[in-house]
Amino acid sequence: MTHLMMDVSSGAPHFPVAASVVLGAGFLTAVILGSVAWYNSRRPVGWEDKERPDFVPEIKEE
């Protein structure tokens, strides 16, 4: 029990920093790719006449 309390108070991170970075990068990537896919899909009702933002690439269907 004493060792457990010493581990908690040592200030060592309990969740690896690398895992946090991977989760953050994955979330950011999902948001960016989802936004590109949404802007390149058909517009929902009420959004048909809205312009595409400049930063979203145009993807041509073949």
PDB file of N, CA and C in Angstrom:
ATOM      1  N   MET A   1       0.837  -1.184   0.000  1.00  0.00           N
ATOM      2  CA  MET A   1       0.000   0.000   0.000  1.00  0.00           C
ATOM      3  C   MET A   1       0.879   1.244   0.000  1.00  0.00           C
ATOM      4  N   THR A   2       1.964   1.214   0.713  1.00  0.00           N
ATOM      5  CA  THR A   2       2.855   2.369   0.789  1.00  0.00           C
ATOM      6  C   THR A   2       3.476   2.652  -0.575  1.00  0.00           C
ATOM      7  N   HIS A   3       3.806   1.596  -1.325  1.00  0.00           N
ATOM      8  CA  HIS A   3       4.407   1.783  -2.641  1.00  0.00           C
ATOM      9  C   HIS A   3       3.424   2.438  -3.605  1.00  0.00           C
ATOM     10  N   LEU A   4       2.159   2.073  -3.495  1.00  0.00           N
ATOM     11  CA  LEU A   4       1.144   2.660  -4.357  1.00  0.00           C
ATOM     12  C   LEU A   4       1.016   4.156  -4.101  1.00  0.00           C
ATOM     13  N   MET A   5       1.022   4.551  -2.855  1.00  0.00           N
ATOM     14  CA  MET A   5       0.910   5.970  -2.516  1.00  0.00           C
ATOM     15  C   MET A   5       2.149   6.730  -2.980  1.00  0.00           C
ATOM     16  N   MET A   6       3.299   6.105  -2.919  1.00  0.00           N
ATOM     17  CA  MET A   6       4.517   6.764  -3.379  1.00  0.00           C
ATOM     18  C   MET A   6       4.494   6.934  -4.899  1.00  0.00           C
ATOM     19  N   ASP A   7       3.943   5.948  -5.609  1.00  0.00           N
ATOM     20  CA  ASP A   7       3.842   6.058  -7.059  1.00  0.00           C
ATOM     21  C   ASP A   7       2.905   7.188  -7.463  1.00  0.00           C
ATOM     22  N   VAL A   8       1.794   7.317  -6.771  1.00  0.00           N
ATOM     23  CA  VAL A   8       0.821   8.357  -7.101  1.00  0.00           C
ATOM     24  C   VAL A   8       1.404   9.735  -6.829  1.00  0.00           C
ATOM     25  N   SER A   9       2.146   9.867  -5.767  1.00  0.00           N
ATOM     26  CA  SER A   9       2.678  11.176  -5.402  1.00  0.00           C
ATOM     27  C   SER A   9       3.986  11.508  -6.114  1.00  0.00           C
ATOM     28  N   SER A  10       4.523  10.601  -6.913  1.00  0.00           N
ATOM     29  CA  SER A  10       5.803  10.853  -7.556  1.00  0.00           C
ATOM     30  C   SER A  10       5.704  11.858  -8.691  1.00  0.00           C
ATOM     31  N   GLY A  11       4.503  12.126  -9.187  1.00  0.00           N
ATOM     32  CA  GLY A  11       4.327  13.085 -10.260  1.00  0.00           C
ATOM     33  C   GLY A  11       4.525  12.490 -11.635  1.00  0.00           C
ATOM     34  N   ALA A  12       4.732  11.198 -11.740  1.00  0.00           N
ATOM     35  CA  ALA A  12       4.902  10.541 -13.038  1.00  0.00           C
ATOM     36  C   ALA A  12       3.556  10.531 -13.762  1.00  0.00           C
ATOM     37  N   PRO A  13       3.557  10.791 -15.068  1.00  0.00           N
ATOM     38  CA  PRO A  13       2.282  10.785 -15.801  1.00  0.00           C
ATOM     39  C   PRO A  13       1.659   9.391 -15.812  1.00  0.00           C
ATOM     40  N   HIS A  14       0.367   9.335 -15.623  1.00  0.00           N
ATOM     41  CA  HIS A  14      -0.320   8.051 -15.592  1.00  0.00           C
ATOM     42  C   HIS A  14      -0.758   7.613 -16.984  1.00  0.00           C
ATOM     43  N   PHE A  15      -0.873   8.553 -17.902  1.00  0.00           N
ATOM     44  CA  PHE A  15      -1.281   8.242 -19.267  1.00  0.00           C
ATOM     45  C   PHE A  15      -0.143   8.667 -20.176  1.00  0.00           C
ATOM     46  N   PRO A  16       0.396   7.781 -20.983  1.00  0.00           N
ATOM     47  CA  PRO A  16       1.559   8.121 -21.806  1.00  0.00           C
ATOM     48  C   PRO A  16       1.292   9.314 -22.721  1.00  0.00           C
ATOM     49  N   VAL A  17       2.288  10.162 -22.817  1.00  0.00           N
ATOM     50  CA  VAL A  17       2.183  11.357 -23.643  1.00  0.00           C
ATOM     51  C   VAL A  17       2.020  10.967 -25.114  1.00  0.00           C
ATOM     52  N   ALA A  18       2.713   9.932 -25.550  1.00  0.00           N
ATOM     53  CA  ALA A  18       2.624   9.497 -26.946  1.00  0.00           C
ATOM     54  C   ALA A  18       1.189   9.107 -27.300  1.00  0.00           C
ATOM     55  N   ALA A  19       0.482   8.446 -26.406  1.00  0.00           N
ATOM     56  CA  ALA A  19      -0.903   8.062 -26.674  1.00  0.00           C
ATOM     57  C   ALA A  19      -1.786   9.292 -26.798  1.00  0.00           C
ATOM     58  N   SER A  20      -1.539  10.310 -25.996  1.00  0.00           N
ATOM     59  CA  SER A  20      -2.301  11.552 -26.088  1.00  0.00           C
ATOM     60  C   SER A  20      -2.071  12.236 -27.422  1.00  0.00           C
ATOM     61  N   VAL A  21      -0.834  12.236 -27.885  1.00  0.00           N
ATOM     62  CA  VAL A  21      -0.507  12.859 -29.168  1.00  0.00           C
ATOM     63  C   VAL A  21      -1.189  12.109 -30.307  1.00  0.00           C
ATOM     64  N   VAL A  22      -1.158  10.788 -30.267  1.00  0.00           N
ATOM     65  CA  VAL A  22      -1.797   9.981 -31.309  1.00  0.00           C
ATOM     66  C   VAL A  22      -3.305  10.207 -31.310  1.00  0.00           C
ATOM     67  N   LEU A  23      -3.921  10.246 -30.147  1.00  0.00           N
ATOM     68  CA  LEU A  23      -5.358  10.491 -30.075  1.00  0.00           C
ATOM     69  C   LEU A  23      -5.704  11.882 -30.599  1.00  0.00           C
ATOM     70  N   GLY A  24      -4.925  12.872 -30.237  1.00  0.00           N
ATOM     71  CA  GLY A  24      -5.164  14.234 -30.707  1.00  0.00           C
ATOM     72  C   GLY A  24      -4.998  14.351 -32.213  1.00  0.00           C
ATOM     73  N   ALA A  25      -3.941  13.748 -32.747  1.00  0.00           N
ATOM     74  CA  ALA A  25      -3.700  13.800 -34.193  1.00  0.00           C
ATOM     75  C   ALA A  25      -4.793  13.035 -34.944  1.00  0.00           C
ATOM     76  N   GLY A  26      -5.232  11.919 -34.410  1.00  0.00           N
ATOM     77  CA  GLY A  26      -6.296  11.144 -35.045  1.00  0.00           C
ATOM     78  C   GLY A  26      -7.611  11.904 -35.062  1.00  0.00           C
ATOM     79  N   PHE A  27      -7.926  12.582 -33.980  1.00  0.00           N
ATOM     80  CA  PHE A  27      -9.147  13.380 -33.926  1.00  0.00           C
ATOM     81  C   PHE A  27      -9.090  14.529 -34.928  1.00  0.00           C
ATOM     82  N   LEU A  28      -7.968  15.220 -34.987  1.00  0.00           N
ATOM     83  CA  LEU A  28      -7.803  16.322 -35.933  1.00  0.00           C
ATOM     84  C   LEU A  28      -7.912  15.831 -37.376  1.00  0.00           C
ATOM     85  N   THR A  29      -7.300  14.708 -37.671  1.00  0.00           N
ATOM     86  CA  THR A  29      -7.382  14.126 -39.014  1.00  0.00           C
ATOM     87  C   THR A  29      -8.820  13.744 -39.362  1.00  0.00           C
ATOM     88  N   ALA A  30      -9.531  13.163 -38.419  1.00  0.00           N
ATOM     89  CA  ALA A  30     -10.924  12.782 -38.663  1.00  0.00           C
ATOM     90  C   ALA A  30     -11.797  14.000 -38.938  1.00  0.00           C
ATOM     91  N   VAL A  31     -11.565  15.074 -38.210  1.00  0.00           N
ATOM     92  CA  VAL A  31     -12.345  16.300 -38.423  1.00  0.00           C
ATOM     93  C   VAL A  31     -12.053  16.891 -39.801  1.00  0.00           C
ATOM     94  N   ILE A  32     -10.782  16.935 -40.177  1.00  0.00           N
ATOM     95  CA  ILE A  32     -10.407  17.512 -41.473  1.00  0.00           C
ATOM     96  C   ILE A  32     -10.964  16.671 -42.619  1.00  0.00           C
ATOM     97  N   LEU A  33     -10.765  15.359 -42.577  1.00  0.00           N
ATOM     98  CA  LEU A  33     -11.266  14.493 -43.641  1.00  0.00           C
ATOM     99  C   LEU A  33     -12.796  14.480 -43.694  1.00  0.00           C
ATOM    100  N   GLY A  34     -13.433  14.524 -42.557  1.00  0.00           N
ATOM    101  CA  GLY A  34     -14.892  14.581 -42.525  1.00  0.00           C
ATOM    102  C   GLY A  34     -15.420  15.873 -43.121  1.00  0.00           C
ATOM    103  N   SER A  35     -14.733  16.976 -42.864  1.00  0.00           N
ATOM    104  CA  SER A  35     -15.143  18.255 -43.439  1.00  0.00           C
ATOM    105  C   SER A  35     -14.991  18.252 -44.959  1.00  0.00           C
ATOM    106  N   VAL A  36     -13.880  17.724 -45.441  1.00  0.00           N
ATOM    107  CA  VAL A  36     -13.664  17.647 -46.890  1.00  0.00           C
ATOM    108  C   VAL A  36     -14.739  16.765 -47.523  1.00  0.00           C
ATOM    109  N   ALA A  37     -15.037  15.637 -46.917  1.00  0.00           N
ATOM    110  CA  ALA A  37     -16.058  14.740 -47.465  1.00  0.00           C
ATOM    111  C   ALA A  37     -17.435  15.396 -47.451  1.00  0.00           C
ATOM    112  N   TRP A  38     -17.743  16.131 -46.392  1.00  0.00           N
ATOM    113  CA  TRP A  38     -19.051  16.774 -46.302  1.00  0.00           C
ATOM    114  C   TRP A  38     -19.197  17.860 -47.363  1.00  0.00           C
ATOM    115  N   TYR A  39     -18.156  18.663 -47.535  1.00  0.00           N
ATOM    116  CA  TYR A  39     -18.234  19.744 -48.523  1.00  0.00           C
ATOM    117  C   TYR A  39     -18.250  19.204 -49.953  1.00  0.00           C
ATOM    118  N   ASN A  40     -17.709  18.027 -50.186  1.00  0.00           N
ATOM    119  CA  ASN A  40     -17.704  17.457 -51.521  1.00  0.00           C
ATOM    120  C   ASN A  40     -18.932  16.584 -51.792  1.00  0.00           C
ATOM    121  N   SER A  41     -19.771  16.385 -50.812  1.00  0.00           N
ATOM    122  CA  SER A  41     -20.985  15.596 -51.015  1.00  0.00           C
ATOM    123  C   SER A  41     -22.115  16.523 -51.465  1.00  0.00           C
ATOM    124  N   ARG A  42     -23.268  15.930 -51.733  1.00  0.00           N
ATOM    125  CA  ARG A  42     -24.430  16.745 -52.060  1.00  0.00           C
ATOM    126  C   ARG A  42     -24.815  17.542 -50.824  1.00  0.00           C
ATOM    127  N   ARG A  43     -25.285  18.741 -51.071  1.00  0.00           N
ATOM    128  CA  ARG A  43     -25.651  19.612 -49.952  1.00  0.00           C
ATOM    129  C   ARG A  43     -26.981  19.188 -49.337  1.00  0.00           C
ATOM    130  N   PRO A  44     -27.084  19.280 -48.030  1.00  0.00           N
ATOM    131  CA  PRO A  44     -28.372  19.013 -47.386  1.00  0.00           C
ATOM    132  C   PRO A  44     -29.399  20.094 -47.778  1.00  0.00           C
ATOM    133  N   VAL A  45     -30.652  19.841 -47.503  1.00  0.00           N
ATOM    134  CA  VAL A  45     -31.710  20.797 -47.819  1.00  0.00           C
ATOM    135  C   VAL A  45     -31.396  22.133 -47.142  1.00  0.00           C
ATOM    136  N   GLY A  46     -31.442  23.191 -47.934  1.00  0.00           N
ATOM    137  CA  GLY A  46     -31.154  24.520 -47.417  1.00  0.00           C
ATOM    138  C   GLY A  46     -29.727  24.969 -47.650  1.00  0.00           C
ATOM    139  N   TRP A  47     -28.832  24.065 -48.018  1.00  0.00           N
ATOM    140  CA  TRP A  47     -27.421  24.405 -48.229  1.00  0.00           C
ATOM    141  C   TRP A  47     -27.028  24.322 -49.710  1.00  0.00           C
ATOM    142  N   GLU A  48     -27.982  24.088 -50.605  1.00  0.00           N
ATOM    143  CA  GLU A  48     -27.653  23.870 -52.013  1.00  0.00           C
ATOM    144  C   GLU A  48     -26.946  25.056 -52.656  1.00  0.00           C
ATOM    145  N   ASP A  49     -27.279  26.274 -52.263  1.00  0.00           N
ATOM    146  CA  ASP A  49     -26.722  27.462 -52.909  1.00  0.00           C
ATOM    147  C   ASP A  49     -25.503  28.039 -52.181  1.00  0.00           C
ATOM    148  N   LYS A  50     -25.019  27.379 -51.169  1.00  0.00           N
ATOM    149  CA  LYS A  50     -23.861  27.882 -50.416  1.00  0.00           C
ATOM    150  C   LYS A  50     -22.576  27.586 -51.172  1.00  0.00           C
ATOM    151  N   GLU A  51     -21.617  28.499 -51.054  1.00  0.00           N
ATOM    152  CA  GLU A  51     -20.335  28.322 -51.741  1.00  0.00           C
ATOM    153  C   GLU A  51     -19.398  27.435 -50.932  1.00  0.00           C
ATOM    154  N   ARG A  52     -18.521  26.762 -51.643  1.00  0.00           N
ATOM    155  CA  ARG A  52     -17.506  25.907 -51.035  1.00  0.00           C
ATOM    156  C   ARG A  52     -16.372  26.807 -50.520  1.00  0.00           C
ATOM    157  N   PRO A  53     -15.860  26.564 -49.307  1.00  0.00           N
ATOM    158  CA  PRO A  53     -14.718  27.346 -48.824  1.00  0.00           C
ATOM    159  C   PRO A  53     -13.487  27.134 -49.708  1.00  0.00           C
ATOM    160  N   ASP A  54     -12.611  28.124 -49.765  1.00  0.00           N
ATOM    161  CA  ASP A  54     -11.417  28.049 -50.609  1.00  0.00           C
ATOM    162  C   ASP A  54     -10.455  26.940 -50.198  1.00  0.00           C
ATOM    163  N   PHE A  55     -10.429  26.599 -48.917  1.00  0.00           N
ATOM    164  CA  PHE A  55      -9.451  25.624 -48.439  1.00  0.00           C
ATOM    165  C   PHE A  55      -9.865  24.171 -48.688  1.00  0.00           C
ATOM    166  N   VAL A  56     -11.086  23.929 -49.167  1.00  0.00           N
ATOM    167  CA  VAL A  56     -11.556  22.569 -49.437  1.00  0.00           C
ATOM    168  C   VAL A  56     -11.266  22.225 -50.889  1.00  0.00           C
ATOM    169  N   PRO A  57     -10.495  21.168 -51.138  1.00  0.00           N
ATOM    170  CA  PRO A  57     -10.166  20.808 -52.522  1.00  0.00           C
ATOM    171  C   PRO A  57     -11.378  20.240 -53.271  1.00  0.00           C
ATOM    172  N   GLU A  58     -11.410  20.482 -54.561  1.00  0.00           N
ATOM    173  CA  GLU A  58     -12.473  19.948 -55.407  1.00  0.00           C
ATOM    174  C   GLU A  58     -12.125  18.527 -55.805  1.00  0.00           C
ATOM    175  N   ILE A  59     -13.016  17.583 -55.570  1.00  0.00           N
ATOM    176  CA  ILE A  59     -12.792  16.187 -55.927  1.00  0.00           C
ATOM    177  C   ILE A  59     -13.776  15.848 -57.035  1.00  0.00           C
ATOM    178  N   LYS A  60     -13.253  15.467 -58.192  1.00  0.00           N
ATOM    179  CA  LYS A  60     -14.104  15.180 -59.342  1.00  0.00           C
ATOM    180  C   LYS A  60     -14.497  13.709 -59.355  1.00  0.00           C
ATOM    181  N   GLU A  61     -15.769  13.450 -59.602  1.00  0.00           N
ATOM    182  CA  GLU A  61     -16.233  12.069 -59.722  1.00  0.00           C
ATOM    183  C   GLU A  61     -15.969  11.586 -61.140  1.00  0.00           C
ATOM    184  N   GLU A  62     -15.595  10.344 -61.272  1.00  0.00           N
ATOM    185  CA  GLU A  62     -15.320   9.792 -62.598  1.00  0.00           C
ATOM    186  C   GLU A  62     -16.430   8.872 -63.037  1.00  0.00           C
TER     187      GLU A  62
END
